[in-house]
N, C-alpha and C. Protein backbone atom coordinates (compact mmCIF):
# COMPACT_ATOMS: atom_id res chain seq x y z
N MET A 1 55.93 -46.54 13.04
CA MET A 1 54.25 -46.56 13.06
C MET A 1 53.49 -45.70 13.88
N THR A 2 52.80 -44.55 13.76
CA THR A 2 52.19 -43.69 14.08
C THR A 2 50.67 -43.82 14.38
N GLU A 3 50.49 -43.68 15.72
CA GLU A 3 49.22 -43.76 15.92
C GLU A 3 48.57 -42.80 15.93
N ALA A 4 46.90 -42.87 15.61
CA ALA A 4 46.40 -41.66 15.02
C ALA A 4 46.08 -40.99 16.77
N PRO A 5 45.89 -39.70 16.45
CA PRO A 5 45.46 -39.34 17.74
C PRO A 5 44.05 -39.64 18.06
N PRO A 6 43.88 -39.90 19.45
CA PRO A 6 42.41 -40.27 19.95
C PRO A 6 41.49 -38.81 19.57
N GLN A 7 40.19 -39.41 19.16
CA GLN A 7 39.24 -38.34 18.77
C GLN A 7 38.44 -37.97 19.66
N ALA A 8 38.18 -36.52 19.71
CA ALA A 8 37.29 -36.18 20.73
C ALA A 8 35.80 -36.72 20.74
N PRO A 9 35.33 -36.84 21.62
CA PRO A 9 33.94 -37.61 21.64
C PRO A 9 32.72 -36.40 21.03
N PRO A 10 31.95 -36.46 20.36
CA PRO A 10 31.11 -35.67 19.57
C PRO A 10 30.33 -34.93 20.82
N PRO A 11 29.85 -33.68 19.98
CA PRO A 11 29.00 -32.98 21.43
C PRO A 11 27.97 -33.14 21.94
N PRO A 12 27.50 -33.38 23.46
CA PRO A 12 26.64 -33.92 23.52
C PRO A 12 25.17 -33.01 23.15
N MET A 13 24.10 -34.00 22.75
CA MET A 13 22.90 -33.39 22.23
C MET A 13 22.48 -32.49 22.92
N PRO A 14 21.31 -31.49 22.61
CA PRO A 14 20.87 -30.57 23.47
C PRO A 14 19.41 -31.48 24.04
N PRO A 15 18.89 -31.03 25.02
CA PRO A 15 18.04 -31.79 25.82
C PRO A 15 16.74 -31.65 24.89
N GLY A 16 15.98 -33.03 25.09
CA GLY A 16 14.55 -32.88 24.46
C GLY A 16 14.58 -33.80 23.23
N PRO A 17 13.68 -33.95 22.31
CA PRO A 17 13.51 -34.82 21.49
C PRO A 17 13.73 -33.95 20.39
N PRO A 18 14.05 -34.61 18.92
CA PRO A 18 14.49 -33.69 17.87
C PRO A 18 13.24 -32.91 17.04
N VAL A 19 11.97 -33.35 17.84
CA VAL A 19 10.62 -32.88 17.12
C VAL A 19 10.64 -31.21 17.69
N ILE A 20 10.94 -31.12 19.15
CA ILE A 20 10.74 -30.27 19.70
C ILE A 20 11.92 -29.02 19.55
N ARG A 21 13.10 -29.58 19.17
CA ARG A 21 13.83 -28.69 18.50
C ARG A 21 13.57 -27.98 17.46
N ARG A 22 12.98 -28.90 16.51
CA ARG A 22 12.65 -28.43 14.73
C ARG A 22 11.62 -27.65 15.27
N ARG A 23 10.56 -27.87 16.11
CA ARG A 23 9.63 -26.71 16.61
C ARG A 23 10.07 -25.44 17.00
N TRP A 24 11.35 -25.40 17.71
CA TRP A 24 11.90 -23.68 18.28
C TRP A 24 12.48 -23.55 17.09
N PHE A 25 12.87 -23.99 16.53
CA PHE A 25 13.76 -23.47 15.14
C PHE A 25 12.70 -22.79 13.91
N TRP A 26 11.90 -23.33 14.07
CA TRP A 26 10.64 -22.64 12.87
C TRP A 26 10.14 -21.78 13.97
N LEU A 27 9.48 -21.88 14.91
CA LEU A 27 8.83 -20.87 15.94
C LEU A 27 9.98 -19.38 15.69
N VAL A 28 11.26 -19.51 16.27
CA VAL A 28 12.22 -18.53 16.13
C VAL A 28 12.61 -17.95 14.86
N LEU A 29 12.58 -18.58 13.35
CA LEU A 29 12.30 -18.31 12.08
C LEU A 29 11.39 -17.74 11.85
N VAL A 30 10.33 -18.00 12.12
CA VAL A 30 9.27 -17.02 11.55
C VAL A 30 9.05 -15.65 12.74
N LEU A 31 9.64 -15.91 13.84
CA LEU A 31 9.30 -14.46 14.64
C LEU A 31 10.72 -13.66 14.26
N LEU A 32 11.61 -14.19 13.53
CA LEU A 32 12.60 -13.26 13.09
C LEU A 32 12.22 -12.86 12.04
N VAL A 33 11.56 -13.53 10.59
CA VAL A 33 10.93 -13.23 9.85
C VAL A 33 9.83 -11.97 9.98
N LEU A 34 9.17 -12.03 10.87
CA LEU A 34 7.96 -11.25 11.14
C LEU A 34 8.61 -10.13 11.59
N SER A 35 9.60 -9.92 12.54
CA SER A 35 10.11 -8.76 13.18
C SER A 35 11.16 -7.85 12.09
N VAL A 36 11.47 -8.63 11.13
CA VAL A 36 12.22 -7.94 9.85
C VAL A 36 11.28 -7.32 9.19
N MET A 37 10.30 -8.13 8.83
CA MET A 37 9.16 -7.36 8.32
C MET A 37 8.77 -5.96 8.89
N LEU A 38 8.20 -5.97 10.37
CA LEU A 38 7.59 -5.05 11.12
C LEU A 38 8.26 -3.86 10.89
N ASN A 39 10.07 -4.17 11.21
CA ASN A 39 10.98 -3.35 11.08
C ASN A 39 11.15 -2.43 9.64
N LEU A 40 10.81 -3.25 8.42
CA LEU A 40 11.16 -2.63 7.47
C LEU A 40 9.45 -1.75 7.31
N PHE A 41 8.60 -2.04 7.56
CA PHE A 41 7.17 -1.20 7.53
C PHE A 41 7.42 -0.30 8.52
N ILE A 42 7.96 -0.27 9.38
CA ILE A 42 7.86 1.09 10.40
C ILE A 42 9.15 1.98 9.73
N GLY A 43 10.13 1.48 9.38
CA GLY A 43 11.10 2.13 8.66
C GLY A 43 10.45 2.95 7.01
N GLY A 44 9.70 2.19 6.55
CA GLY A 44 9.06 2.66 5.43
C GLY A 44 7.93 3.85 5.83
N VAL A 45 7.29 3.82 7.00
CA VAL A 45 6.45 4.77 7.28
C VAL A 45 7.10 5.88 7.89
N ILE A 46 8.22 5.90 8.72
CA ILE A 46 8.88 7.09 8.92
C ILE A 46 9.60 7.41 7.85
N ALA A 47 10.07 6.87 6.96
CA ALA A 47 10.71 7.68 5.58
C ALA A 47 9.78 8.03 4.67
N GLY A 48 8.64 8.12 4.64
CA GLY A 48 7.19 8.42 3.85
C GLY A 48 7.06 9.70 4.83
N ARG A 49 7.18 9.77 5.93
CA ARG A 49 6.77 10.68 6.85
C ARG A 49 7.66 12.08 6.73
N LEU A 50 8.98 11.51 6.95
CA LEU A 50 10.32 12.35 6.70
C LEU A 50 10.34 13.54 5.36
N SER A 51 9.89 12.44 4.37
CA SER A 51 10.00 12.91 3.14
C SER A 51 9.21 13.79 2.39
N GLY A 52 7.53 13.93 3.53
CA GLY A 52 6.63 14.49 3.10
C GLY A 52 5.66 13.81 2.12
N ALA A 53 6.17 12.52 1.81
CA ALA A 53 5.11 11.85 0.92
C ALA A 53 3.84 11.70 1.78
N GLY A 54 2.85 11.41 0.92
CA GLY A 54 1.40 11.14 1.49
C GLY A 54 0.74 10.86 0.48
N GLY A 55 -0.25 10.22 0.11
CA GLY A 55 -0.47 9.73 -1.32
C GLY A 55 -0.97 10.54 -2.34
N ALA A 56 -0.16 9.93 -3.54
CA ALA A 56 -0.48 10.96 -4.63
C ALA A 56 -0.11 12.48 -4.69
N ALA A 57 1.05 12.53 -4.37
CA ALA A 57 1.84 13.97 -4.22
C ALA A 57 1.11 15.21 -2.95
N PHE A 58 -0.02 14.29 -2.42
CA PHE A 58 -0.56 15.22 -1.34
C PHE A 58 0.52 15.67 -0.68
N GLY A 59 1.71 14.94 -0.08
CA GLY A 59 2.57 15.49 0.82
C GLY A 59 3.38 16.88 0.23
N ARG A 60 3.59 16.84 -0.90
CA ARG A 60 4.28 18.09 -1.72
C ARG A 60 3.37 19.30 -1.74
N LEU A 61 2.21 18.94 -1.48
CA LEU A 61 1.13 20.46 -1.60
C LEU A 61 1.93 21.36 -0.62
N PRO A 62 1.74 22.53 -0.59
CA PRO A 62 1.99 23.75 0.50
C PRO A 62 1.18 23.25 1.49
N PRO A 63 1.56 23.63 2.87
CA PRO A 63 0.95 23.31 3.63
C PRO A 63 -0.73 23.96 3.63
N GLU A 64 -0.84 25.32 3.07
CA GLU A 64 -2.00 25.78 3.32
C GLU A 64 -2.90 25.26 2.20
N VAL A 65 -2.69 24.62 1.40
CA VAL A 65 -3.45 23.66 0.52
C VAL A 65 -3.84 22.64 1.30
N ARG A 66 -2.75 21.84 1.74
CA ARG A 66 -3.06 20.68 2.50
C ARG A 66 -4.12 20.93 3.31
N THR A 67 -3.85 21.69 4.53
CA THR A 67 -4.98 22.24 5.46
C THR A 67 -6.36 23.03 4.41
N SER A 68 -6.45 23.38 3.43
CA SER A 68 -7.93 23.58 2.68
C SER A 68 -8.45 22.55 2.60
N VAL A 69 -7.87 21.40 1.82
CA VAL A 69 -8.08 20.00 1.36
C VAL A 69 -8.62 19.45 2.35
N ARG A 70 -7.72 19.30 3.37
CA ARG A 70 -8.40 18.47 4.73
C ARG A 70 -9.91 19.10 5.04
N GLN A 71 -9.88 20.32 5.01
CA GLN A 71 -11.14 20.89 5.64
C GLN A 71 -12.37 20.23 4.92
N GLU A 72 -12.28 20.56 3.37
CA GLU A 72 -13.03 20.46 2.60
C GLU A 72 -13.41 18.73 2.84
N LEU A 73 -12.34 17.48 2.64
CA LEU A 73 -12.38 16.39 3.12
C LEU A 73 -13.45 16.16 4.22
N PHE A 74 -13.09 16.84 5.22
CA PHE A 74 -13.74 16.69 6.15
C PHE A 74 -15.42 16.96 6.10
N ALA A 75 -15.44 18.11 5.47
CA ALA A 75 -17.02 18.77 5.28
C ALA A 75 -17.69 17.18 4.45
N GLU A 76 -16.79 16.56 3.47
CA GLU A 76 -17.45 15.64 2.88
C GLU A 76 -17.57 14.06 3.75
N ARG A 77 -17.02 14.38 4.13
CA ARG A 77 -16.80 12.76 5.46
C ARG A 77 -17.98 12.06 5.07
N GLY A 78 -19.04 12.34 5.38
CA GLY A 78 -20.67 11.42 5.10
C GLY A 78 -19.97 10.63 3.94
N ASP A 79 -20.22 11.65 2.73
CA ASP A 79 -20.10 11.03 1.57
C ASP A 79 -19.20 9.95 1.05
N LEU A 80 -17.81 10.85 1.80
CA LEU A 80 -16.71 10.18 1.16
C LEU A 80 -16.49 8.59 2.05
N ARG A 81 -17.31 8.45 3.23
CA ARG A 81 -17.02 7.30 3.86
C ARG A 81 -18.22 6.06 3.01
N ARG A 82 -19.10 6.77 2.62
CA ARG A 82 -20.25 5.90 2.07
C ARG A 82 -19.68 5.48 0.64
N ALA A 83 -18.86 6.34 -0.14
CA ALA A 83 -18.28 6.02 -1.35
C ALA A 83 -17.31 5.26 -1.12
N LEU A 84 -16.12 5.36 -0.09
CA LEU A 84 -15.10 4.17 0.08
C LEU A 84 -15.82 2.82 0.85
N MET A 85 -16.85 2.75 1.21
CA MET A 85 -17.51 1.43 1.66
C MET A 85 -17.72 0.66 0.13
N THR A 86 -18.46 1.94 -0.71
CA THR A 86 -18.63 1.12 -1.96
C THR A 86 -17.82 0.67 -2.64
N LEU A 87 -16.76 1.17 -3.16
CA LEU A 87 -15.49 0.75 -3.43
C LEU A 87 -14.83 -0.19 -2.74
N ARG A 88 -14.74 -0.43 -1.50
CA ARG A 88 -14.43 -1.76 -0.60
C ARG A 88 -15.26 -3.13 -1.19
N THR A 89 -16.85 -2.94 -0.86
CA THR A 89 -17.44 -3.73 -1.44
C THR A 89 -17.31 -4.36 -3.28
N ALA A 90 -17.12 -3.20 -3.96
CA ALA A 90 -16.88 -3.43 -5.24
C ALA A 90 -15.46 -4.23 -5.32
N ARG A 91 -14.83 -3.82 -4.86
CA ARG A 91 -13.28 -4.49 -4.81
C ARG A 91 -13.38 -6.19 -4.31
N GLN A 92 -14.11 -6.51 -3.18
CA GLN A 92 -14.34 -7.57 -2.88
C GLN A 92 -15.32 -8.65 -4.15
N ASP A 93 -15.98 -7.87 -4.81
CA ASP A 93 -17.33 -8.61 -5.69
C ASP A 93 -16.05 -8.70 -6.92
N VAL A 94 -15.18 -7.82 -7.29
CA VAL A 94 -13.99 -8.50 -8.17
C VAL A 94 -13.30 -9.67 -7.89
N ARG A 95 -12.99 -9.37 -6.66
CA ARG A 95 -12.11 -10.63 -6.34
C ARG A 95 -12.96 -12.32 -6.32
N SER A 96 -14.29 -12.12 -5.75
CA SER A 96 -15.37 -13.07 -5.53
C SER A 96 -15.40 -13.88 -7.27
N ALA A 97 -15.48 -12.64 -8.05
CA ALA A 97 -15.70 -12.97 -9.23
C ALA A 97 -14.61 -13.59 -10.37
N LEU A 98 -13.47 -13.12 -9.87
CA LEU A 98 -12.47 -13.46 -10.62
C LEU A 98 -11.72 -14.81 -9.96
N THR A 99 -12.25 -15.04 -8.92
CA THR A 99 -11.89 -16.52 -8.50
C THR A 99 -12.94 -17.25 -8.23
N ALA A 100 -14.19 -17.47 -9.08
CA ALA A 100 -15.03 -17.80 -9.05
C ALA A 100 -14.62 -19.45 -9.88
N ASP A 101 -15.44 -20.39 -9.09
CA ASP A 101 -15.18 -21.39 -10.23
C ASP A 101 -16.40 -22.42 -10.50
N PRO A 102 -16.97 -22.45 -11.26
CA PRO A 102 -16.20 -21.73 -12.61
C PRO A 102 -16.56 -20.80 -12.77
N PHE A 103 -15.38 -20.22 -13.47
CA PHE A 103 -15.31 -18.76 -13.87
C PHE A 103 -16.33 -18.10 -14.61
N ASP A 104 -16.81 -17.00 -14.53
CA ASP A 104 -18.43 -16.49 -15.37
C ASP A 104 -17.79 -15.20 -15.81
N GLU A 105 -17.31 -15.02 -17.22
CA GLU A 105 -16.84 -13.89 -17.63
C GLU A 105 -18.03 -12.56 -17.64
N ALA A 106 -19.40 -12.99 -17.81
CA ALA A 106 -20.39 -11.82 -17.40
C ALA A 106 -20.28 -11.00 -16.18
N ALA A 107 -20.11 -12.31 -14.86
CA ALA A 107 -20.29 -11.84 -13.73
C ALA A 107 -18.80 -10.52 -13.56
N ALA A 108 -17.44 -11.51 -14.05
CA ALA A 108 -16.30 -10.58 -13.83
C ALA A 108 -16.41 -9.25 -14.48
N ALA A 109 -16.71 -9.20 -15.49
CA ALA A 109 -17.00 -7.76 -16.50
C ALA A 109 -18.36 -6.99 -15.56
N ALA A 110 -19.13 -7.49 -15.03
CA ALA A 110 -19.98 -6.62 -14.63
C ALA A 110 -19.04 -6.07 -13.27
N ALA A 111 -18.90 -6.90 -11.98
CA ALA A 111 -18.00 -6.76 -11.02
C ALA A 111 -17.14 -5.61 -11.64
N LEU A 112 -16.33 -5.54 -12.67
CA LEU A 112 -15.39 -4.53 -12.90
C LEU A 112 -15.70 -3.30 -13.36
N GLY A 113 -17.13 -3.26 -13.94
CA GLY A 113 -17.79 -2.21 -14.07
C GLY A 113 -18.38 -1.57 -12.88
N ARG A 114 -18.74 -2.08 -12.03
CA ARG A 114 -19.10 -1.79 -10.55
C ARG A 114 -17.78 -1.07 -10.18
N LEU A 115 -16.72 -1.67 -10.11
CA LEU A 115 -15.66 -1.43 -9.48
C LEU A 115 -15.10 0.00 -9.94
N ARG A 116 -15.17 0.23 -11.45
CA ARG A 116 -15.17 1.60 -12.31
C ARG A 116 -15.91 2.59 -11.46
N ALA A 117 -17.10 2.20 -11.60
CA ALA A 117 -18.28 3.38 -11.29
C ALA A 117 -18.17 3.78 -9.57
N ALA A 118 -17.40 2.52 -8.78
CA ALA A 118 -17.19 3.00 -7.33
C ALA A 118 -15.73 4.11 -7.18
N THR A 119 -14.91 3.49 -7.88
CA THR A 119 -13.76 4.36 -8.02
C THR A 119 -13.96 5.88 -8.71
N ASP A 120 -14.78 6.17 -9.92
CA ASP A 120 -15.73 7.03 -10.16
C ASP A 120 -16.05 8.06 -9.20
N GLY A 121 -16.43 7.41 -8.18
CA GLY A 121 -17.55 7.98 -7.05
C GLY A 121 -16.68 8.76 -6.02
N VAL A 122 -15.71 7.93 -5.52
CA VAL A 122 -14.56 8.42 -4.87
C VAL A 122 -14.09 9.56 -5.27
N GLN A 123 -13.30 9.37 -6.78
CA GLN A 123 -12.63 10.36 -7.17
C GLN A 123 -13.73 11.59 -7.43
N THR A 124 -14.91 11.60 -7.70
CA THR A 124 -15.41 12.48 -7.71
C THR A 124 -15.82 13.28 -6.27
N ILE A 125 -15.89 12.97 -5.36
CA ILE A 125 -15.89 13.33 -4.31
C ILE A 125 -14.54 14.05 -4.01
N MET A 126 -13.31 13.41 -4.29
CA MET A 126 -12.03 13.94 -3.95
C MET A 126 -11.72 15.28 -5.04
N HIS A 127 -12.16 14.99 -6.01
CA HIS A 127 -11.81 16.54 -6.82
C HIS A 127 -12.81 17.44 -6.63
N ARG A 128 -14.02 17.34 -6.06
CA ARG A 128 -14.77 18.17 -5.76
C ARG A 128 -14.29 19.08 -4.43
N ALA A 129 -13.76 18.09 -3.39
CA ALA A 129 -12.98 18.83 -2.44
C ALA A 129 -11.63 19.59 -2.60
N TYR A 130 -10.87 19.26 -3.76
CA TYR A 130 -10.00 20.16 -4.50
C TYR A 130 -10.18 21.29 -4.80
N VAL A 131 -11.57 21.27 -5.82
CA VAL A 131 -12.05 22.48 -6.29
C VAL A 131 -12.14 23.57 -5.50
N ARG A 132 -13.37 23.19 -4.30
CA ARG A 132 -13.59 24.14 -3.24
C ARG A 132 -12.38 24.63 -2.75
N ALA A 133 -11.54 23.69 -1.96
CA ALA A 133 -10.08 24.08 -1.50
C ALA A 133 -9.36 25.05 -2.39
N ALA A 134 -9.33 24.93 -3.58
CA ALA A 134 -8.63 25.90 -4.56
C ALA A 134 -9.35 27.24 -4.62
N GLU A 135 -10.59 27.02 -4.70
CA GLU A 135 -11.53 28.30 -5.03
C GLU A 135 -11.22 29.48 -3.63
N ARG A 136 -10.68 28.79 -2.54
CA ARG A 136 -10.55 29.62 -1.51
C ARG A 136 -9.13 30.33 -0.81
N LEU A 137 -8.32 29.49 -1.96
CA LEU A 137 -6.92 30.04 -1.95
C LEU A 137 -6.82 31.28 -2.98
N PRO A 138 -5.47 31.83 -2.26
CA PRO A 138 -5.05 33.04 -3.53
C PRO A 138 -4.72 32.46 -4.50
N ALA A 139 -4.24 33.20 -5.82
CA ALA A 139 -3.80 32.63 -6.84
C ALA A 139 -2.30 32.27 -6.76
N GLU A 140 -1.67 33.17 -5.91
CA GLU A 140 -0.15 32.47 -5.64
C GLU A 140 -0.06 31.38 -5.15
N THR A 141 -0.71 31.40 -3.93
CA THR A 141 -0.70 29.82 -3.38
C THR A 141 -1.09 28.63 -4.38
N ARG A 142 -2.46 28.66 -5.18
CA ARG A 142 -2.44 27.81 -6.28
C ARG A 142 -1.35 27.69 -7.30
N ARG A 143 -0.60 28.66 -7.82
CA ARG A 143 0.60 28.76 -8.77
C ARG A 143 1.75 27.51 -8.14
N GLN A 144 1.34 27.23 -6.62
CA GLN A 144 2.56 26.38 -6.08
C GLN A 144 2.15 24.90 -6.04
N ILE A 145 0.99 24.73 -6.49
CA ILE A 145 0.71 23.40 -6.56
C ILE A 145 1.21 22.61 -7.43
N PRO A 146 2.08 21.34 -7.22
CA PRO A 146 2.74 20.79 -8.52
C PRO A 146 1.64 20.15 -9.23
N SER A 147 2.11 20.07 -10.44
CA SER A 147 1.47 19.73 -11.89
C SER A 147 1.12 18.62 -12.07
N GLY A 148 2.11 17.78 -11.45
CA GLY A 148 2.24 16.36 -11.74
C GLY A 148 2.79 15.69 -13.21
N GLU A 149 3.50 16.83 -13.63
CA GLU A 149 3.96 16.44 -14.61
C GLU A 149 5.33 15.24 -14.56
N ARG A 150 6.21 15.48 -13.16
CA ARG A 150 6.92 14.48 -13.18
C ARG A 150 6.40 13.10 -13.04
N PHE A 151 5.50 13.00 -12.35
CA PHE A 151 4.89 11.71 -12.14
C PHE A 151 4.40 11.34 -13.97
N MET A 152 3.95 11.45 -14.37
CA MET A 152 3.76 11.73 -15.89
C MET A 152 4.99 11.40 -16.70
N ARG A 153 6.16 12.09 -16.41
CA ARG A 153 7.18 11.70 -17.23
C ARG A 153 7.75 10.47 -16.65
N ARG A 154 7.84 10.11 -15.46
CA ARG A 154 8.12 8.77 -14.89
C ARG A 154 7.25 7.43 -15.53
N LEU A 155 6.08 8.01 -15.75
CA LEU A 155 5.06 6.71 -16.14
C LEU A 155 5.27 6.35 -17.68
N GLU A 156 5.55 7.72 -18.14
CA GLU A 156 5.85 7.50 -19.62
C GLU A 156 7.19 6.53 -19.67
N ARG A 157 8.33 6.95 -18.85
CA ARG A 157 9.39 6.40 -19.02
C ARG A 157 9.56 4.62 -18.60
N ARG A 158 8.44 4.53 -18.18
CA ARG A 158 7.98 3.34 -17.74
C ARG A 158 7.44 2.12 -18.56
N MET A 159 6.43 3.11 -19.20
CA MET A 159 5.67 2.40 -20.50
C MET A 159 6.82 2.15 -21.47
N GLU A 160 7.54 3.33 -21.76
CA GLU A 160 8.61 2.88 -22.95
C GLU A 160 9.32 1.80 -22.53
N ALA A 161 9.57 1.37 -21.60
CA ALA A 161 10.33 0.50 -21.23
C ALA A 161 9.70 -1.09 -21.05
N LEU A 162 8.78 -0.95 -21.34
CA LEU A 162 7.84 -2.05 -21.30
C LEU A 162 7.76 -2.54 -22.94
N ASP A 163 7.88 -1.53 -23.68
CA ASP A 163 7.52 -1.49 -25.01
C ASP A 163 8.88 -2.20 -25.47
N ARG A 164 10.05 -1.99 -24.89
CA ARG A 164 11.37 -2.69 -25.19
C ARG A 164 11.37 -4.20 -25.26
């Protein structure tokens, strides 16, 4: 008859009550997740800068076009700031209307109408700046401005994929 070898005693428990260990676990987990999110955000910003992306193809514009547009936007900064504040307020109104309880369809529709108007106001100022910038540029430089066809083709492919 063979005797079973003696079992080793269980490892000692770390000091402190289990509640404290659980809190440390969650704290470390949350900090780890936040760290990963921050690293991904910073990596995305750096990748965007290196790729020349800037919103809506602005980064792909020739440097002299970007400079000219920035000058025009700077000249429009007062109107643009007011239009952006109106847009922010309109977005907040839409959110409030869509989450209201009880839901008021007329209020939501009116808020969305104000959002459309505010968006149009910002776009009008941006378009005015683009036109003024373009009129100061030589024709050869204006020919280098991307047409947006690549974006439209990609959008059309996505829409077709949704139809399938």
